Amino acid sequence: MIDWLTVILVSAGVFFYWSGSVGLLRLPDTYSRLHALTKVDNLGLGLLVAGLLLQAPDGWWAGKVLLVWVLALLASAVNAYLIANSLRRRERDAD
């Protein structure tokens, strides 16, 4: 049962990553693309981590996976902020 739940969670995570890639290609502007990518990245990675945690052999391994997830979430948020701020400055300076 746990193996099937792992497959479902990891598959859902991969689906969200795939839909984020499609959104990156199809959305019209940078702000929409950033919004889609950060939301999908958070949800997709969360589902992948949840699926991996079900297969964790011990608490140490699970802690490392959770730490990677938290660091990826922080990096995603900081990157999105920096890109949006840079774009906003560029638009302001062009006016």
N, C-alpha and C. Protein backbone atom coordinates (compact mmCIF):
# COMPACT_ATOMS: atom_id res chain seq x y z
N MET A 1 0.82 -1.19 0.00
CA MET A 1 0.00 0.00 0.00
C MET A 1 0.87 1.26 0.00
N ILE A 2 1.94 1.25 0.78
CA ILE A 2 2.81 2.42 0.84
C ILE A 2 3.50 2.64 -0.51
N ASP A 3 3.86 1.57 -1.18
CA ASP A 3 4.50 1.71 -2.50
C ASP A 3 3.56 2.37 -3.50
N TRP A 4 2.30 1.99 -3.48
CA TRP A 4 1.32 2.59 -4.39
C TRP A 4 1.11 4.07 -4.07
N LEU A 5 1.05 4.40 -2.81
CA LEU A 5 0.90 5.80 -2.42
C LEU A 5 2.12 6.61 -2.83
N THR A 6 3.30 6.01 -2.73
CA THR A 6 4.52 6.67 -3.19
C THR A 6 4.45 6.94 -4.69
N VAL A 7 4.02 5.95 -5.45
CA VAL A 7 3.91 6.12 -6.91
C VAL A 7 2.92 7.23 -7.24
N ILE A 8 1.80 7.27 -6.54
CA ILE A 8 0.78 8.30 -6.80
C ILE A 8 1.33 9.69 -6.48
N LEU A 9 1.99 9.84 -5.33
CA LEU A 9 2.51 11.15 -4.94
C LEU A 9 3.63 11.61 -5.88
N VAL A 10 4.54 10.73 -6.21
CA VAL A 10 5.62 11.10 -7.11
C VAL A 10 5.08 11.41 -8.51
N SER A 11 4.12 10.65 -8.97
CA SER A 11 3.51 10.92 -10.28
C SER A 11 2.80 12.26 -10.29
N ALA A 12 2.10 12.58 -9.21
CA ALA A 12 1.44 13.88 -9.12
C ALA A 12 2.47 15.00 -9.11
N GLY A 13 3.58 14.81 -8.41
CA GLY A 13 4.64 15.80 -8.40
C GLY A 13 5.23 16.02 -9.79
N VAL A 14 5.45 14.95 -10.52
CA VAL A 14 5.97 15.04 -11.88
C VAL A 14 4.96 15.75 -12.78
N PHE A 15 3.68 15.46 -12.60
CA PHE A 15 2.64 16.14 -13.37
C PHE A 15 2.67 17.65 -13.13
N PHE A 16 2.82 18.06 -11.88
CA PHE A 16 2.86 19.49 -11.59
C PHE A 16 4.10 20.14 -12.18
N TYR A 17 5.23 19.46 -12.14
CA TYR A 17 6.42 20.00 -12.79
C TYR A 17 6.20 20.13 -14.30
N TRP A 18 5.58 19.13 -14.90
CA TRP A 18 5.29 19.18 -16.33
C TRP A 18 4.35 20.34 -16.66
N SER A 19 3.30 20.53 -15.85
CA SER A 19 2.37 21.62 -16.11
C SER A 19 3.05 22.98 -15.92
N GLY A 20 3.99 23.07 -15.01
CA GLY A 20 4.75 24.31 -14.85
C GLY A 20 5.62 24.60 -16.06
N SER A 21 6.17 23.57 -16.65
CA SER A 21 6.97 23.75 -17.86
C SER A 21 6.11 24.23 -19.01
N VAL A 22 4.92 23.68 -19.13
CA VAL A 22 3.98 24.13 -20.16
C VAL A 22 3.59 25.58 -19.91
N GLY A 23 3.33 25.92 -18.64
CA GLY A 23 3.00 27.30 -18.30
C GLY A 23 4.13 28.26 -18.61
N LEU A 24 5.35 27.82 -18.39
CA LEU A 24 6.51 28.65 -18.71
C LEU A 24 6.56 28.97 -20.20
N LEU A 25 6.19 28.03 -21.01
CA LEU A 25 6.23 28.24 -22.45
C LEU A 25 5.02 29.01 -22.98
N ARG A 26 3.88 28.91 -22.32
CA ARG A 26 2.66 29.46 -22.88
C ARG A 26 2.19 30.76 -22.26
N LEU A 27 2.58 31.07 -21.04
CA LEU A 27 2.08 32.29 -20.41
C LEU A 27 2.73 33.52 -21.03
N PRO A 28 1.99 34.63 -21.06
CA PRO A 28 2.43 35.77 -21.86
C PRO A 28 3.55 36.63 -21.28
N ASP A 29 3.56 36.85 -19.97
CA ASP A 29 4.55 37.78 -19.43
C ASP A 29 5.35 37.14 -18.30
N THR A 30 6.40 37.84 -17.90
CA THR A 30 7.33 37.31 -16.92
C THR A 30 6.68 37.12 -15.56
N TYR A 31 5.82 38.03 -15.16
CA TYR A 31 5.19 37.91 -13.84
C TYR A 31 4.29 36.67 -13.77
N SER A 32 3.54 36.41 -14.82
CA SER A 32 2.70 35.21 -14.86
C SER A 32 3.55 33.95 -14.84
N ARG A 33 4.62 33.97 -15.57
CA ARG A 33 5.52 32.81 -15.60
C ARG A 33 6.14 32.55 -14.24
N LEU A 34 6.57 33.62 -13.57
CA LEU A 34 7.15 33.47 -12.23
C LEU A 34 6.12 32.91 -11.26
N HIS A 35 4.90 33.43 -11.34
CA HIS A 35 3.85 32.96 -10.44
C HIS A 35 3.59 31.47 -10.65
N ALA A 36 3.45 31.09 -11.91
CA ALA A 36 3.18 29.68 -12.21
C ALA A 36 4.34 28.79 -11.76
N LEU A 37 5.55 29.22 -12.05
CA LEU A 37 6.70 28.38 -11.71
C LEU A 37 6.89 28.23 -10.21
N THR A 38 6.71 29.30 -9.45
CA THR A 38 6.91 29.17 -8.01
C THR A 38 5.82 28.33 -7.37
N LYS A 39 4.58 28.48 -7.83
CA LYS A 39 3.50 27.67 -7.26
C LYS A 39 3.69 26.20 -7.61
N VAL A 40 3.99 25.94 -8.86
CA VAL A 40 4.17 24.55 -9.29
C VAL A 40 5.40 23.95 -8.65
N ASP A 41 6.45 24.73 -8.52
CA ASP A 41 7.67 24.24 -7.90
C ASP A 41 7.40 23.83 -6.45
N ASN A 42 6.69 24.67 -5.72
CA ASN A 42 6.39 24.36 -4.33
C ASN A 42 5.52 23.12 -4.21
N LEU A 43 4.47 23.04 -5.00
CA LEU A 43 3.56 21.90 -4.90
C LEU A 43 4.20 20.63 -5.46
N GLY A 44 4.86 20.74 -6.61
CA GLY A 44 5.49 19.56 -7.20
C GLY A 44 6.57 18.97 -6.31
N LEU A 45 7.42 19.84 -5.79
CA LEU A 45 8.48 19.35 -4.91
C LEU A 45 7.90 18.81 -3.61
N GLY A 46 6.86 19.45 -3.10
CA GLY A 46 6.20 18.95 -1.89
C GLY A 46 5.65 17.54 -2.07
N LEU A 47 5.02 17.30 -3.21
CA LEU A 47 4.49 15.96 -3.48
C LEU A 47 5.61 14.94 -3.65
N LEU A 48 6.67 15.33 -4.34
CA LEU A 48 7.80 14.41 -4.48
C LEU A 48 8.42 14.08 -3.13
N VAL A 49 8.58 15.07 -2.29
CA VAL A 49 9.15 14.84 -0.96
C VAL A 49 8.22 13.96 -0.13
N ALA A 50 6.93 14.21 -0.21
CA ALA A 50 5.98 13.37 0.54
C ALA A 50 6.07 11.91 0.09
N GLY A 51 6.20 11.70 -1.22
CA GLY A 51 6.35 10.34 -1.72
C GLY A 51 7.65 9.70 -1.27
N LEU A 52 8.73 10.48 -1.25
CA LEU A 52 10.01 9.94 -0.81
C LEU A 52 10.03 9.66 0.69
N LEU A 53 9.34 10.49 1.46
CA LEU A 53 9.31 10.28 2.91
C LEU A 53 8.65 8.96 3.28
N LEU A 54 7.72 8.52 2.46
CA LEU A 54 7.08 7.23 2.72
C LEU A 54 8.06 6.06 2.58
N GLN A 55 9.13 6.29 1.82
CA GLN A 55 10.14 5.24 1.60
C GLN A 55 11.39 5.45 2.46
N ALA A 56 11.35 6.39 3.37
CA ALA A 56 12.53 6.71 4.18
C ALA A 56 12.91 5.54 5.08
N PRO A 57 14.18 5.14 5.03
CA PRO A 57 14.61 4.03 5.88
C PRO A 57 14.74 4.41 7.35
N ASP A 58 15.04 5.70 7.62
CA ASP A 58 15.17 6.14 9.01
C ASP A 58 14.92 7.65 9.10
N GLY A 59 14.92 8.14 10.31
CA GLY A 59 14.64 9.55 10.55
C GLY A 59 15.72 10.48 10.02
N TRP A 60 16.97 10.03 10.03
CA TRP A 60 18.07 10.84 9.54
C TRP A 60 17.90 11.13 8.05
N TRP A 61 17.56 10.12 7.30
CA TRP A 61 17.35 10.25 5.86
C TRP A 61 16.15 11.16 5.59
N ALA A 62 15.08 10.99 6.35
CA ALA A 62 13.90 11.83 6.19
C ALA A 62 14.21 13.29 6.52
N GLY A 63 15.01 13.51 7.53
CA GLY A 63 15.41 14.87 7.89
C GLY A 63 16.21 15.55 6.79
N LYS A 64 17.10 14.79 6.15
CA LYS A 64 17.87 15.35 5.06
C LYS A 64 16.98 15.72 3.88
N VAL A 65 16.01 14.87 3.57
CA VAL A 65 15.09 15.16 2.47
C VAL A 65 14.26 16.40 2.79
N LEU A 66 13.80 16.52 4.02
CA LEU A 66 13.04 17.70 4.42
C LEU A 66 13.90 18.96 4.37
N LEU A 67 15.16 18.85 4.75
CA LEU A 67 16.06 20.00 4.69
C LEU A 67 16.27 20.45 3.24
N VAL A 68 16.44 19.51 2.34
CA VAL A 68 16.58 19.86 0.92
C VAL A 68 15.32 20.56 0.43
N TRP A 69 14.16 20.09 0.86
CA TRP A 69 12.89 20.70 0.45
C TRP A 69 12.81 22.14 0.95
N VAL A 70 13.14 22.36 2.21
CA VAL A 70 13.07 23.71 2.78
C VAL A 70 14.06 24.64 2.07
N LEU A 71 15.26 24.16 1.82
CA LEU A 71 16.25 24.99 1.13
C LEU A 71 15.82 25.31 -0.30
N ALA A 72 15.20 24.36 -0.98
CA ALA A 72 14.70 24.61 -2.34
C ALA A 72 13.56 25.61 -2.32
N LEU A 73 12.69 25.54 -1.32
CA LEU A 73 11.61 26.52 -1.21
C LEU A 73 12.16 27.92 -0.98
N LEU A 74 13.14 28.04 -0.12
CA LEU A 74 13.76 29.34 0.13
C LEU A 74 14.45 29.88 -1.12
N ALA A 75 15.17 29.03 -1.80
CA ALA A 75 15.86 29.45 -3.02
C ALA A 75 14.87 29.88 -4.09
N SER A 76 13.78 29.17 -4.23
CA SER A 76 12.75 29.51 -5.21
C SER A 76 12.14 30.87 -4.91
N ALA A 77 11.82 31.11 -3.65
CA ALA A 77 11.22 32.39 -3.27
C ALA A 77 12.19 33.54 -3.50
N VAL A 78 13.44 33.37 -3.12
CA VAL A 78 14.44 34.43 -3.29
C VAL A 78 14.67 34.70 -4.78
N ASN A 79 14.79 33.66 -5.58
CA ASN A 79 15.00 33.84 -7.01
C ASN A 79 13.83 34.56 -7.66
N ALA A 80 12.61 34.17 -7.32
CA ALA A 80 11.44 34.83 -7.89
C ALA A 80 11.40 36.31 -7.50
N TYR A 81 11.73 36.60 -6.25
CA TYR A 81 11.76 37.99 -5.80
C TYR A 81 12.80 38.79 -6.57
N LEU A 82 14.00 38.25 -6.71
CA LEU A 82 15.06 38.97 -7.40
C LEU A 82 14.73 39.21 -8.87
N ILE A 83 14.17 38.23 -9.52
CA ILE A 83 13.80 38.39 -10.93
C ILE A 83 12.70 39.42 -11.08
N ALA A 84 11.66 39.34 -10.25
CA ALA A 84 10.55 40.30 -10.34
C ALA A 84 11.03 41.71 -10.00
N ASN A 85 11.88 41.85 -9.00
CA ASN A 85 12.39 43.17 -8.63
C ASN A 85 13.25 43.76 -9.75
N SER A 86 14.07 42.95 -10.37
CA SER A 86 14.89 43.41 -11.48
C SER A 86 14.03 43.84 -12.66
N LEU A 87 13.01 43.07 -12.96
CA LEU A 87 12.10 43.42 -14.06
C LEU A 87 11.34 44.71 -13.75
N ARG A 88 10.91 44.87 -12.52
CA ARG A 88 10.19 46.08 -12.13
C ARG A 88 11.09 47.30 -12.26
N ARG A 89 12.35 47.19 -11.84
CA ARG A 89 13.29 48.31 -11.99
C ARG A 89 13.53 48.65 -13.46
N ARG A 90 13.67 47.61 -14.27
CA ARG A 90 13.89 47.82 -15.71
C ARG A 90 12.69 48.53 -16.33
N GLU A 91 11.48 48.12 -15.95
CA GLU A 91 10.27 48.77 -16.48
C GLU A 91 10.18 50.21 -15.99
N ARG A 92 10.54 50.46 -14.75
CA ARG A 92 10.47 51.81 -14.19
C ARG A 92 11.50 52.73 -14.88
N ASP A 93 12.70 52.21 -15.12
CA ASP A 93 13.73 53.01 -15.76
C ASP A 93 13.42 53.28 -17.23
N ALA A 94 12.67 52.40 -17.87
CA ALA A 94 12.32 52.59 -19.28
C ALA A 94 11.28 53.70 -19.44
N ASP A 95 10.51 53.97 -18.39
CA ASP A 95 9.48 55.02 -18.50
C ASP A 95 10.03 56.39 -18.43
